């Protein structure tokens, strides 16, 4: 299986993550779309892309990916959630009782920067990366609480927008919508 990367392909910007992985030099035959627990069993790391968290949560539960992803995370599989993916990984979602995987000891606030029309792109410094990255925020969440074992990797206007807990990475923004592959490369080293 070597370094086979799965991208959750239920909804959202999964094809853009696949393009970013290819752009940073990861072999196409080592990238797979994940839609079922069987698909997940064929990869050794997973990206959960942006999308609509309520819908994706319901679909994950319907096909059994919720349990499969949790089991694999508990076995040490690296997982990265971008935007909605970070919401799915969170232990708690402010003001919501919706499903989450509870794999990242954080509390998130959905749509913290406003609606779709308030989307923006900015340069963002990330702890551990040599250069600032381009970050696209679209109806992005923020982290309002971190557990003691969570490292804050980036802030935007004092809001926490990137975190890491062991091999679990969460970002509020969409690096896959830019040409910058630094975070994808970082994820491949976890």
Protein backbone atom coordinates (compact mmCIF):
# COMPACT_ATOMS: atom_id res chain seq x y z
CA UNK A 1 0.00 0.00 0.00
CA UNK A 2 3.07 2.26 0.53
CA UNK A 3 1.80 5.86 0.81
CA UNK A 4 -1.66 5.49 -0.72
CA UNK A 5 -3.76 8.59 -0.05
CA UNK A 6 -7.55 8.48 0.06
CA UNK A 7 -9.74 11.52 -0.52
CA UNK A 8 -13.29 11.28 0.81
CA UNK A 9 -15.35 11.62 -2.37
CA UNK A 10 -18.92 11.88 -1.07
CA UNK A 11 -19.28 15.59 -1.78
CA UNK A 12 -17.19 18.76 -1.97
CA UNK A 13 -13.82 19.70 -3.43
CA UNK A 14 -12.33 16.19 -3.50
CA UNK A 15 -11.16 16.46 -7.12
CA UNK A 16 -9.16 19.59 -6.27
CA UNK A 17 -7.35 17.73 -3.48
CA UNK A 18 -6.50 14.97 -5.96
CA UNK A 19 -5.11 17.59 -8.37
CA UNK A 20 -3.03 19.15 -5.56
CA UNK A 21 -1.61 15.77 -4.55
CA UNK A 22 -0.64 15.11 -8.17
CA UNK A 23 0.88 18.61 -8.51
CA UNK A 24 3.10 18.04 -5.49
CA UNK A 25 4.47 14.90 -7.13
CA UNK A 26 2.42 12.14 -5.50
CA UNK A 27 1.85 9.31 -8.03
CA UNK A 28 -1.69 9.15 -9.43
CA UNK A 29 -1.83 5.40 -8.82
CA UNK A 30 -1.28 6.15 -5.10
CA UNK A 31 -4.39 8.37 -4.84
CA UNK A 32 -7.89 6.93 -4.42
CA UNK A 33 -11.42 8.28 -4.06
CA UNK A 34 -13.01 6.96 -0.86
CA UNK A 35 -16.76 6.37 -0.72
CA UNK A 36 -17.07 3.13 1.29
CA UNK A 37 -15.33 1.34 4.17
CA UNK A 38 -13.82 -1.01 1.56
CA UNK A 39 -12.29 1.98 -0.26
CA UNK A 40 -10.91 3.24 3.06
CA UNK A 41 -9.28 -0.12 3.76
CA UNK A 42 -7.16 0.37 0.61
CA UNK A 43 -5.48 3.62 1.76
CA UNK A 44 -3.17 4.56 4.62
CA UNK A 45 -4.06 8.24 4.98
CA UNK A 46 -7.25 10.25 4.34
CA UNK A 47 -8.23 13.79 3.36
CA UNK A 48 -11.77 14.93 4.24
CA UNK A 49 -12.49 17.89 1.93
CA UNK A 50 -14.88 20.83 2.18
CA UNK A 51 -18.58 20.37 1.57
CA UNK A 52 -21.78 20.50 3.61
CA UNK A 53 -21.19 18.96 7.03
CA UNK A 54 -24.73 17.86 7.87
CA UNK A 55 -25.15 16.03 4.56
CA UNK A 56 -21.69 14.46 4.60
CA UNK A 57 -22.15 13.33 8.20
CA UNK A 58 -25.42 11.59 7.33
CA UNK A 59 -23.91 9.92 4.26
CA UNK A 60 -20.85 8.76 6.20
CA UNK A 61 -23.09 7.17 8.82
CA UNK A 62 -25.32 5.61 6.17
CA UNK A 63 -22.45 3.73 4.48
CA UNK A 64 -20.53 2.97 7.69
CA UNK A 65 -17.59 5.27 7.03
CA UNK A 66 -18.02 6.95 10.43
CA UNK A 67 -16.95 3.81 12.31
CA UNK A 68 -14.31 2.86 9.72
CA UNK A 69 -12.65 6.30 9.82
CA UNK A 70 -12.70 6.34 13.64
CA UNK A 71 -11.20 2.85 13.80
CA UNK A 72 -8.42 3.76 11.35
CA UNK A 73 -7.67 7.03 13.17
CA UNK A 74 -7.37 5.12 16.45
CA UNK A 75 -4.86 2.82 14.69
CA UNK A 76 -2.74 5.88 13.80
CA UNK A 77 -3.85 6.71 10.26
CA UNK A 78 -3.09 10.35 9.33
CA UNK A 79 -6.25 12.34 8.54
CA UNK A 80 -6.60 15.91 7.30
CA UNK A 81 -9.89 17.80 7.28
CA UNK A 82 -10.24 21.03 5.31
CA UNK A 83 -13.11 23.41 6.16
CA UNK A 84 -16.09 21.05 6.49
CA UNK A 85 -13.59 18.24 7.00
CA UNK A 86 -12.30 19.99 10.11
CA UNK A 87 -15.88 20.32 11.36
CA UNK A 88 -16.34 16.56 10.83
CA UNK A 89 -13.19 15.84 12.87
CA UNK A 90 -14.12 18.14 15.79
CA UNK A 91 -15.16 16.96 19.23
CA UNK A 92 -17.76 19.73 19.47
CA UNK A 93 -19.63 22.07 17.11
CA UNK A 94 -20.90 25.27 18.72
CA UNK A 95 -24.68 25.50 18.86
CA UNK A 96 -25.20 22.27 16.88
CA UNK A 97 -26.03 18.71 17.80
CA UNK A 98 -25.01 17.34 14.39
CA UNK A 99 -22.80 14.30 13.90
CA UNK A 100 -19.01 14.58 14.03
CA UNK A 101 -16.22 12.02 14.25
CA UNK A 102 -14.87 13.41 17.55
CA UNK A 103 -11.24 12.71 16.53
CA UNK A 104 -9.79 16.18 17.09
CA UNK A 105 -10.06 17.71 20.58
CA UNK A 106 -11.41 21.07 19.42
CA UNK A 107 -14.62 23.07 19.39
CA UNK A 108 -15.49 24.75 16.09
CA UNK A 109 -17.87 27.55 15.09
CA UNK A 110 -19.35 27.03 11.64
CA UNK A 111 -19.46 29.89 9.07
CA UNK A 112 -17.45 32.11 11.41
CA UNK A 113 -16.49 34.62 8.70
CA UNK A 114 -20.00 34.90 7.24
CA UNK A 115 -21.83 33.64 4.18
CA UNK A 116 -20.48 32.59 0.77
CA UNK A 117 -20.36 36.23 -0.36
CA UNK A 118 -17.84 36.94 2.40
CA UNK A 119 -15.31 34.46 1.00
CA UNK A 120 -11.72 35.69 0.73
CA UNK A 121 -8.14 34.66 0.00
CA UNK A 122 -5.13 35.64 2.07
CA UNK A 123 -1.49 34.77 2.75
CA UNK A 124 -1.16 32.74 5.94
CA UNK A 125 1.90 31.71 7.94
CA UNK A 126 1.74 28.10 9.14
CA UNK A 127 3.97 26.82 11.96
CA UNK A 128 6.38 24.29 10.44
CA UNK A 129 6.19 25.59 6.86
CA UNK A 130 8.99 27.73 5.46
CA UNK A 131 6.83 30.11 3.39
CA UNK A 132 3.37 31.65 3.94
CA UNK A 133 0.69 29.83 1.96
CA UNK A 134 -2.29 31.01 -0.05
CA UNK A 135 -5.44 30.22 1.90
CA UNK A 136 -9.00 30.44 0.55
CA UNK A 137 -11.75 30.88 3.16
CA UNK A 138 -15.29 29.95 2.04
CA UNK A 139 -17.98 29.87 4.76
CA UNK A 140 -15.06 28.83 6.94
CA UNK A 141 -15.19 27.62 10.53
CA UNK A 142 -12.85 28.77 13.29
CA UNK A 143 -11.55 26.84 16.28
CA UNK A 144 -12.85 28.34 19.54
CA UNK A 145 -11.35 25.76 21.94
CA UNK A 146 -8.36 23.45 21.76
CA UNK A 147 -7.52 20.53 24.02
CA UNK A 148 -4.14 20.42 25.73
CA UNK A 149 -2.77 17.94 23.16
CA UNK A 150 -3.70 20.12 20.15
CA UNK A 151 -1.05 22.33 18.51
CA UNK A 152 -2.21 25.61 16.97
CA UNK A 153 -0.53 25.91 13.54
CA UNK A 154 -2.08 29.16 12.28
CA UNK A 155 -4.26 32.10 13.20
CA UNK A 156 -6.04 34.65 11.06
CA UNK A 157 -6.95 37.90 12.86
CA UNK A 158 -6.47 36.11 16.19
CA UNK A 159 -8.85 33.28 15.17
CA UNK A 160 -7.41 29.76 15.17
CA UNK A 161 -7.65 28.39 11.62
CA UNK A 162 -5.19 25.44 11.57
CA UNK A 163 -4.50 22.78 14.19
CA UNK A 164 -2.78 19.44 14.55
CA UNK A 165 -3.21 16.68 17.13
CA UNK A 166 -0.70 13.89 16.56
CA UNK A 167 -1.45 12.75 12.98
CA UNK A 168 -4.79 14.57 12.70
CA UNK A 169 -4.66 17.90 10.85
CA UNK A 170 -7.49 20.42 10.58
CA UNK A 171 -7.63 23.61 8.51
CA UNK A 172 -10.47 26.14 8.21
CA UNK A 173 -9.48 27.05 4.68
CA UNK A 174 -9.06 25.43 1.26
CA UNK A 175 -5.40 25.15 0.16
CA UNK A 176 -6.53 22.81 -2.63
CA UNK A 177 -8.13 25.78 -4.42
CA UNK A 178 -4.71 27.40 -4.91
CA UNK A 179 -1.52 26.31 -6.66
CA UNK A 180 0.30 26.09 -3.30
CA UNK A 181 1.03 22.46 -2.29
CA UNK A 182 3.01 23.04 0.92
CA UNK A 183 0.27 21.72 3.21
CA UNK A 184 -0.34 18.68 1.01
CA UNK A 185 3.39 17.92 1.20
CA UNK A 186 3.29 18.37 4.98
CA UNK A 187 0.33 15.97 5.24
CA UNK A 188 2.22 13.34 3.24
CA UNK A 189 5.00 13.38 5.86
CA UNK A 190 2.71 12.67 8.85
